[in-house]
Amino acid sequence: MLPRTESGEAPSRHANDGQTWLTAITFKGIRVANWPKMPITPTKYAFTTRQSANWDDAKRRVFALYRAWLRSTPEMQAMYSVPLPISVIRTRIRQEFERNRFVNKLNVVDVLITKGHADYQETMNFWRQTTHMMSYFNEESFRGAKRLPSSFIDGFLQGRN
């Protein structure tokens, strides 16, 4: 439900600088704020779930998904303010795909493709947080995977409390 203006009417839409805005509530004749339309449609990156007809079809779908991830790497870096170069992000994407390279069941490949599309949609619609993105880069992250010692003795010998 949209907020109401002083007169009790629903805000109207008007064009402003090439964008469509919802006119905000006014207070004593002064516009308090504007609410822009959502810039990203949630279904923009959605794919229909389907089964691959054969291995060639699955291979084509995997390569299409891989290319989509690689093309969107600069946008992901900017959206999530990832403090890593684009080449490192692309290398990590390749490692994730290579991890499942030798799957030999077509149904499993279809499930992995569906999960890849879901992750892509969540990432590109900004439904993740930066910590979710940085969890893929444990070695390169600003915190590091081994920020705490593995045992009390190791911490004691390193001089940690």
C-alpha atoms as a PDB file:
ATOM      1  CA  MET A   1       0.000   0.000   0.000  1.00  0.00           C
ATOM      2  CA  LEU A   2       1.331   3.394  -0.956  1.00  0.00           C
ATOM      3  CA  PRO A   3       1.586   6.211   1.585  1.00  0.00           C
ATOM      4  CA  ARG A   4      -0.962   9.009   1.349  1.00  0.00           C
ATOM      5  CA  THR A   5      -0.399  12.690   0.716  1.00  0.00           C
ATOM      6  CA  GLU A   6      -1.668  15.434   3.032  1.00  0.00           C
ATOM      7  CA  SER A   7      -4.990  15.504   1.236  1.00  0.00           C
ATOM      8  CA  GLY A   8      -5.386  11.761   1.706  1.00  0.00           C
ATOM      9  CA  GLU A   9      -4.834  10.890  -1.953  1.00  0.00           C
ATOM     10  CA  ALA A  10      -2.504   8.195  -3.191  1.00  0.00           C
ATOM     11  CA  PRO A  11       0.705   9.618  -4.683  1.00  0.00           C
ATOM     12  CA  SER A  12       0.647  10.064  -8.440  1.00  0.00           C
ATOM     13  CA  ARG A  13       3.319   9.042 -10.893  1.00  0.00           C
ATOM     14  CA  HIS A  14       5.111  11.659 -12.948  1.00  0.00           C
ATOM     15  CA  ALA A  15       8.116  11.737 -15.240  1.00  0.00           C
ATOM     16  CA  ASN A  16      11.266  13.336 -13.883  1.00  0.00           C
ATOM     17  CA  ASP A  17      14.659  13.241 -15.587  1.00  0.00           C
ATOM     18  CA  GLY A  18      13.710  10.224 -17.680  1.00  0.00           C
ATOM     19  CA  GLN A  19      12.763   8.138 -14.635  1.00  0.00           C
ATOM     20  CA  THR A  20       9.356   7.382 -13.243  1.00  0.00           C
ATOM     21  CA  TRP A  21       8.992   8.485  -9.647  1.00  0.00           C
ATOM     22  CA  LEU A  22       6.246   8.132  -7.117  1.00  0.00           C
ATOM     23  CA  THR A  23       5.366  11.552  -5.774  1.00  0.00           C
ATOM     24  CA  ALA A  24       6.096  11.533  -2.077  1.00  0.00           C
ATOM     25  CA  ILE A  25       4.113  12.820   0.840  1.00  0.00           C
ATOM     26  CA  THR A  26       4.253  16.575   1.069  1.00  0.00           C
ATOM     27  CA  PHE A  27       4.550  18.409   4.350  1.00  0.00           C
ATOM     28  CA  LYS A  28       3.287  22.008   4.369  1.00  0.00           C
ATOM     29  CA  GLY A  29       3.604  22.158   0.594  1.00  0.00           C
ATOM     30  CA  ILE A  30       7.197  20.865   0.540  1.00  0.00           C
ATOM     31  CA  ARG A  31       8.007  17.520  -1.021  1.00  0.00           C
ATOM     32  CA  VAL A  32       9.618  15.394   1.672  1.00  0.00           C
ATOM     33  CA  ALA A  33      10.998  12.510  -0.390  1.00  0.00           C
ATOM     34  CA  ASN A  34      10.617  10.549  -3.612  1.00  0.00           C
ATOM     35  CA  TRP A  35      10.372   6.805  -3.986  1.00  0.00           C
ATOM     36  CA  PRO A  36      11.774   5.609  -7.307  1.00  0.00           C
ATOM     37  CA  LYS A  37      10.398   2.577  -9.011  1.00  0.00           C
ATOM     38  CA  MET A  38      12.451  -0.534  -8.352  1.00  0.00           C
ATOM     39  CA  PRO A  39      15.319  -0.313 -10.882  1.00  0.00           C
ATOM     40  CA  ILE A  40      15.664  -4.078 -11.181  1.00  0.00           C
ATOM     41  CA  THR A  41      12.808  -6.349 -12.033  1.00  0.00           C
ATOM     42  CA  PRO A  42      13.095  -9.541  -9.985  1.00  0.00           C
ATOM     43  CA  THR A  43      12.264 -11.669 -13.008  1.00  0.00           C
ATOM     44  CA  LYS A  44      14.849 -10.049 -15.277  1.00  0.00           C
ATOM     45  CA  TYR A  45      17.459 -12.717 -14.540  1.00  0.00           C
ATOM     46  CA  ALA A  46      15.010 -15.590 -14.024  1.00  0.00           C
ATOM     47  CA  PHE A  47      15.240 -18.717 -16.164  1.00  0.00           C
ATOM     48  CA  THR A  48      12.669 -21.420 -16.559  1.00  0.00           C
ATOM     49  CA  THR A  49      13.636 -24.754 -15.095  1.00  0.00           C
ATOM     50  CA  ARG A  50      13.869 -27.474 -17.688  1.00  0.00           C
ATOM     51  CA  GLN A  51      15.658 -30.716 -18.375  1.00  0.00           C
ATOM     52  CA  SER A  52      18.387 -31.067 -20.939  1.00  0.00           C
ATOM     53  CA  ALA A  53      17.478 -33.208 -23.933  1.00  0.00           C
ATOM     54  CA  ASN A  54      20.994 -34.660 -24.256  1.00  0.00           C
ATOM     55  CA  TRP A  55      24.610 -33.989 -23.328  1.00  0.00           C
ATOM     56  CA  ASP A  56      25.072 -31.439 -26.122  1.00  0.00           C
ATOM     57  CA  ASP A  57      22.120 -29.453 -24.840  1.00  0.00           C
ATOM     58  CA  ALA A  58      23.472 -29.588 -21.269  1.00  0.00           C
ATOM     59  CA  LYS A  59      26.910 -28.480 -22.442  1.00  0.00           C
ATOM     60  CA  ARG A  60      25.396 -25.543 -24.323  1.00  0.00           C
ATOM     61  CA  ARG A  61      23.389 -24.496 -21.242  1.00  0.00           C
ATOM     62  CA  VAL A  62      26.436 -24.738 -18.960  1.00  0.00           C
ATOM     63  CA  PHE A  63      28.509 -22.575 -21.306  1.00  0.00           C
ATOM     64  CA  ALA A  64      25.689 -20.016 -21.552  1.00  0.00           C
ATOM     65  CA  LEU A  65      25.496 -19.827 -17.756  1.00  0.00           C
ATOM     66  CA  TYR A  66      29.291 -19.564 -17.485  1.00  0.00           C
ATOM     67  CA  ARG A  67      29.385 -16.725 -20.016  1.00  0.00           C
ATOM     68  CA  ALA A  68      26.581 -14.892 -18.170  1.00  0.00           C
ATOM     69  CA  TRP A  69      28.551 -15.089 -14.913  1.00  0.00           C
ATOM     70  CA  LEU A  70      31.750 -13.855 -16.597  1.00  0.00           C
ATOM     71  CA  ARG A  71      30.011 -10.981 -18.378  1.00  0.00           C
ATOM     72  CA  SER A  72      28.454  -9.728 -15.166  1.00  0.00           C
ATOM     73  CA  THR A  73      31.695  -9.796 -13.155  1.00  0.00           C
ATOM     74  CA  PRO A  74      32.416  -6.026 -13.433  1.00  0.00           C
ATOM     75  CA  GLU A  75      28.856  -5.236 -12.375  1.00  0.00           C
ATOM     76  CA  MET A  76      29.102  -7.635  -9.412  1.00  0.00           C
ATOM     77  CA  GLN A  77      32.366  -6.041  -8.319  1.00  0.00           C
ATOM     78  CA  ALA A  78      30.784  -2.590  -8.365  1.00  0.00           C
ATOM     79  CA  MET A  79      27.489  -3.609  -6.743  1.00  0.00           C
ATOM     80  CA  TYR A  80      29.035  -5.474  -3.827  1.00  0.00           C
ATOM     81  CA  SER A  81      32.173  -3.289  -3.494  1.00  0.00           C
ATOM     82  CA  VAL A  82      34.410  -6.339  -3.682  1.00  0.00           C
ATOM     83  CA  PRO A  83      38.003  -5.219  -2.976  1.00  0.00           C
ATOM     84  CA  LEU A  84      39.452  -7.685  -5.484  1.00  0.00           C
ATOM     85  CA  PRO A  85      40.366  -7.298  -9.164  1.00  0.00           C
ATOM     86  CA  ILE A  86      37.975  -8.631 -11.775  1.00  0.00           C
ATOM     87  CA  SER A  87      40.485 -11.288 -12.798  1.00  0.00           C
ATOM     88  CA  VAL A  88      40.407 -12.835  -9.309  1.00  0.00           C
ATOM     89  CA  ILE A  89      36.599 -12.920  -9.337  1.00  0.00           C
ATOM     90  CA  ARG A  90      36.567 -14.552 -12.773  1.00  0.00           C
ATOM     91  CA  THR A  91      39.145 -17.106 -11.646  1.00  0.00           C
ATOM     92  CA  ARG A  92      36.974 -18.015  -8.663  1.00  0.00           C
ATOM     93  CA  ILE A  93      33.920 -18.399 -10.919  1.00  0.00           C
ATOM     94  CA  ARG A  94      35.930 -20.726 -13.154  1.00  0.00           C
ATOM     95  CA  GLN A  95      37.001 -22.770 -10.119  1.00  0.00           C
ATOM     96  CA  GLU A  96      33.363 -23.206  -9.090  1.00  0.00           C
ATOM     97  CA  PHE A  97      32.474 -24.482 -12.555  1.00  0.00           C
ATOM     98  CA  GLU A  98      35.569 -26.698 -12.733  1.00  0.00           C
ATOM     99  CA  ARG A  99      34.661 -28.278  -9.412  1.00  0.00           C
ATOM    100  CA  ASN A 100      31.662 -29.934 -11.085  1.00  0.00           C
ATOM    101  CA  ARG A 101      33.375 -30.684 -14.390  1.00  0.00           C
ATOM    102  CA  PHE A 102      33.321 -34.470 -14.132  1.00  0.00           C
ATOM    103  CA  VAL A 103      29.680 -34.947 -13.151  1.00  0.00           C
ATOM    104  CA  ASN A 104      28.484 -37.803 -15.343  1.00  0.00           C
ATOM    105  CA  LYS A 105      24.722 -37.855 -14.718  1.00  0.00           C
ATOM    106  CA  LEU A 106      22.519 -35.666 -16.851  1.00  0.00           C
ATOM    107  CA  ASN A 107      19.948 -35.139 -14.083  1.00  0.00           C
ATOM    108  CA  VAL A 108      22.651 -33.908 -11.701  1.00  0.00           C
ATOM    109  CA  VAL A 109      23.939 -31.490 -14.340  1.00  0.00           C
ATOM    110  CA  ASP A 110      20.408 -30.123 -14.761  1.00  0.00           C
ATOM    111  CA  VAL A 111      20.115 -29.548 -11.008  1.00  0.00           C
ATOM    112  CA  LEU A 112      23.502 -27.794 -10.949  1.00  0.00           C
ATOM    113  CA  ILE A 113      22.433 -25.578 -13.857  1.00  0.00           C
ATOM    114  CA  THR A 114      19.219 -24.679 -12.028  1.00  0.00           C
ATOM    115  CA  LYS A 115      21.151 -23.846  -8.865  1.00  0.00           C
ATOM    116  CA  GLY A 116      23.608 -21.779 -10.903  1.00  0.00           C
ATOM    117  CA  HIS A 117      20.762 -19.792 -12.448  1.00  0.00           C
ATOM    118  CA  ALA A 118      19.230 -19.224  -9.001  1.00  0.00           C
ATOM    119  CA  ASP A 119      22.570 -17.999  -7.623  1.00  0.00           C
ATOM    120  CA  TYR A 120      23.027 -15.752 -10.632  1.00  0.00           C
ATOM    121  CA  GLN A 121      19.567 -14.249 -10.171  1.00  0.00           C
ATOM    122  CA  GLU A 122      20.152 -13.670  -6.449  1.00  0.00           C
ATOM    123  CA  THR A 123      23.523 -12.079  -7.127  1.00  0.00           C
ATOM    124  CA  MET A 124      22.436  -9.790  -9.925  1.00  0.00           C
ATOM    125  CA  ASN A 125      19.238  -8.673  -8.174  1.00  0.00           C
ATOM    126  CA  PHE A 126      21.347  -7.643  -5.167  1.00  0.00           C
ATOM    127  CA  TRP A 127      19.619 -10.137  -2.880  1.00  0.00           C
ATOM    128  CA  ARG A 128      22.937 -11.048  -1.259  1.00  0.00           C
ATOM    129  CA  GLN A 129      25.170  -9.082   1.028  1.00  0.00           C
ATOM    130  CA  THR A 130      28.853  -8.357   0.609  1.00  0.00           C
ATOM    131  CA  THR A 131      29.716 -10.930   3.274  1.00  0.00           C
ATOM    132  CA  HIS A 132      27.959 -13.585   1.201  1.00  0.00           C
ATOM    133  CA  MET A 133      30.059 -12.646  -1.802  1.00  0.00           C
ATOM    134  CA  MET A 134      33.287 -12.539   0.201  1.00  0.00           C
ATOM    135  CA  SER A 135      32.660 -16.032   1.575  1.00  0.00           C
ATOM    136  CA  TYR A 136      33.668 -17.347  -1.870  1.00  0.00           C
ATOM    137  CA  PHE A 137      37.077 -15.715  -1.474  1.00  0.00           C
ATOM    138  CA  ASN A 138      38.325 -17.050   1.863  1.00  0.00           C
ATOM    139  CA  GLU A 139      41.999 -16.879   0.928  1.00  0.00           C
ATOM    140  CA  GLU A 140      41.760 -13.454  -0.671  1.00  0.00           C
ATOM    141  CA  SER A 141      39.263 -11.917   1.744  1.00  0.00           C
ATOM    142  CA  PHE A 142      40.172  -9.035   3.950  1.00  0.00           C
ATOM    143  CA  ARG A 143      39.560 -11.138   7.075  1.00  0.00           C
ATOM    144  CA  GLY A 144      41.151 -14.372   5.921  1.00  0.00           C
ATOM    145  CA  ALA A 145      39.998 -17.904   6.619  1.00  0.00           C
ATOM    146  CA  LYS A 146      42.527 -18.461   9.417  1.00  0.00           C
ATOM    147  CA  ARG A 147      42.078 -15.349  11.465  1.00  0.00           C
ATOM    148  CA  LEU A 148      41.697 -17.429  14.641  1.00  0.00           C
ATOM    149  CA  PRO A 149      44.179 -20.071  15.749  1.00  0.00           C
ATOM    150  CA  SER A 150      43.088 -23.686  15.383  1.00  0.00           C
ATOM    151  CA  SER A 151      43.897 -24.573  19.002  1.00  0.00           C
ATOM    152  CA  PHE A 152      44.694 -22.938  22.308  1.00  0.00           C
ATOM    153  CA  ILE A 153      48.366 -23.912  22.136  1.00  0.00           C
ATOM    154  CA  ASP A 154      48.775 -22.391  18.655  1.00  0.00           C
ATOM    155  CA  GLY A 155      47.214 -19.161  19.861  1.00  0.00           C
ATOM    156  CA  PHE A 156      49.408 -19.153  22.963  1.00  0.00           C
ATOM    157  CA  LEU A 157      52.577 -19.682  20.929  1.00  0.00           C
ATOM    158  CA  GLN A 158      51.582 -16.929  18.507  1.00  0.00           C
ATOM    159  CA  GLY A 159      51.116 -14.531  21.399  1.00  0.00           C
ATOM    160  CA  ARG A 160      47.340 -14.198  21.096  1.00  0.00           C
ATOM    161  CA  ASN A 161      45.109 -13.886  24.138  1.00  0.00           C
END
